Amino acid sequence: MIRPHRSHPLWIAYLLHRLSGLGLALFLPAHFYALALALNQPEKLDGFLRFADNPLVKAAEFGLVFLLAVHVFGGLRLLALEFLPWSPRQKTLAASAVAVAFLVAGSFFLQAV
């Protein structure tokens, strides 16, 4: 049974913000591993960078940038919700946050390919 509040766009924005934060947290160990390779084992970093040039990895990077942008703009929306007077435009702000995140991630992806 689907609860009615879970189909509300602002609940979906909340869920997207939480999931994007989780995805970014899962990415951090891989990022720290790449940084450690750059500092300690430059020869292994070259292999890692060749792997990162794979088109599938570039598509995953699009997803990562999308998660980051969704999390940032969703966080800005939450800050606006906390510090600005309530407005019936909250759904519009949530949709705008996702749209701007997709625009940022799409422009990153077009530069990567």
Protein backbone atom coordinates (compact mmCIF):
# COMPACT_ATOMS: atom_id res chain seq x y z
CA MET A 1 0.00 0.00 0.00
CA ILE A 2 1.41 3.35 -1.04
CA ARG A 3 0.95 6.09 1.47
CA PRO A 4 -0.52 9.26 -0.07
CA HIS A 5 2.18 11.55 1.31
CA ARG A 6 4.84 9.50 -0.47
CA SER A 7 3.56 10.53 -3.86
CA HIS A 8 3.86 14.23 -3.01
CA PRO A 9 6.60 15.98 -5.05
CA LEU A 10 8.25 17.42 -1.94
CA TRP A 11 8.53 13.96 -0.37
CA ILE A 12 10.14 12.77 -3.60
CA ALA A 13 12.55 15.74 -3.39
CA TYR A 14 13.38 14.71 0.20
CA LEU A 15 13.99 11.12 -0.91
CA LEU A 16 16.14 12.23 -3.84
CA HIS A 17 18.21 14.43 -1.52
CA ARG A 18 18.75 11.54 0.90
CA LEU A 19 19.61 9.03 -1.83
CA SER A 20 22.01 11.43 -3.54
CA GLY A 21 23.78 11.95 -0.21
CA LEU A 22 24.05 8.19 0.24
CA GLY A 23 25.41 7.77 -3.29
CA LEU A 24 28.03 10.44 -2.68
CA ALA A 25 29.02 8.83 0.61
CA LEU A 26 29.49 5.50 -1.17
CA PHE A 27 31.67 7.19 -3.80
CA LEU A 28 34.05 8.76 -1.26
CA PRO A 29 36.17 5.63 -0.61
CA ALA A 30 36.88 5.27 -4.35
CA HIS A 31 37.81 8.94 -4.52
CA PHE A 32 40.15 8.66 -1.54
CA TYR A 33 41.70 5.55 -3.13
CA ALA A 34 42.45 7.52 -6.32
CA LEU A 35 43.97 10.34 -4.28
CA ALA A 36 46.13 7.87 -2.35
CA LEU A 37 47.34 6.38 -5.64
CA ALA A 38 48.26 9.85 -6.89
CA LEU A 39 50.32 10.49 -3.77
CA ASN A 40 51.91 7.10 -3.15
CA GLN A 41 51.86 5.00 -6.34
CA PRO A 42 51.85 7.15 -9.49
CA GLU A 43 52.42 4.12 -11.74
CA LYS A 44 49.17 2.53 -10.52
CA LEU A 45 47.41 5.88 -10.93
CA ASP A 46 48.19 5.76 -14.67
CA GLY A 47 46.36 2.43 -14.91
CA PHE A 48 43.46 3.81 -12.92
CA LEU A 49 43.25 6.83 -15.23
CA ARG A 50 43.25 4.55 -18.30
CA PHE A 51 40.36 2.69 -16.71
CA ALA A 52 38.59 5.99 -16.05
CA ASP A 53 38.79 6.83 -19.77
CA ASN A 54 36.33 3.98 -20.44
CA PRO A 55 32.97 5.25 -21.84
CA LEU A 56 31.05 3.31 -19.19
CA VAL A 57 33.04 5.06 -16.46
CA LYS A 58 32.35 8.43 -18.10
CA ALA A 59 28.64 7.63 -18.01
CA ALA A 60 29.01 6.76 -14.31
CA GLU A 61 30.77 10.10 -13.80
CA PHE A 62 27.70 11.77 -15.31
CA GLY A 63 25.65 10.01 -12.64
CA LEU A 64 28.05 11.13 -9.96
CA VAL A 65 27.94 14.77 -11.06
CA PHE A 66 24.14 14.50 -11.24
CA LEU A 67 24.04 13.17 -7.67
CA LEU A 68 26.30 15.99 -6.51
CA ALA A 69 24.23 18.64 -8.27
CA VAL A 70 20.95 17.18 -6.97
CA HIS A 71 22.36 17.13 -3.46
CA VAL A 72 23.66 20.71 -3.66
CA PHE A 73 20.54 22.23 -5.19
CA GLY A 74 18.27 20.14 -2.99
CA GLY A 75 20.21 21.41 0.02
CA LEU A 76 19.79 24.99 -1.19
CA ARG A 77 16.06 24.34 -1.51
CA LEU A 78 16.00 23.07 2.07
CA LEU A 79 17.88 26.13 3.26
CA ALA A 80 15.34 28.32 1.49
CA LEU A 81 12.57 26.34 3.16
CA GLU A 82 14.14 26.86 6.58
CA PHE A 83 15.11 30.52 6.35
CA LEU A 84 12.65 32.10 3.93
CA PRO A 85 8.92 32.52 4.49
CA TRP A 86 6.90 29.55 3.28
CA SER A 87 5.67 29.80 -0.26
CA PRO A 88 3.34 27.62 -2.30
CA ARG A 89 6.14 27.53 -4.88
CA GLN A 90 8.05 24.84 -2.96
CA LYS A 91 7.17 22.20 -5.58
CA THR A 92 8.45 24.52 -8.28
CA LEU A 93 11.70 25.02 -6.37
CA ALA A 94 12.11 21.26 -5.98
CA ALA A 95 11.53 20.66 -9.69
CA SER A 96 13.88 23.51 -10.54
CA ALA A 97 16.58 21.98 -8.34
CA VAL A 98 16.38 18.71 -10.27
CA ALA A 99 16.29 20.52 -13.62
CA VAL A 100 19.36 22.62 -12.81
CA ALA A 101 21.13 19.51 -11.51
CA PHE A 102 20.42 17.72 -14.78
CA LEU A 103 21.65 20.74 -16.73
CA VAL A 104 24.91 20.85 -14.75
CA ALA A 105 25.46 17.10 -15.08
CA GLY A 106 24.56 17.15 -18.78
CA SER A 107 27.03 19.92 -19.52
CA PHE A 108 29.72 17.98 -17.63
CA PHE A 109 28.90 14.85 -19.65
CA LEU A 110 29.08 16.71 -22.96
CA GLN A 111 32.53 18.00 -22.06
CA ALA A 112 33.68 14.50 -21.03
CA VAL A 113 32.79 12.86 -24.36
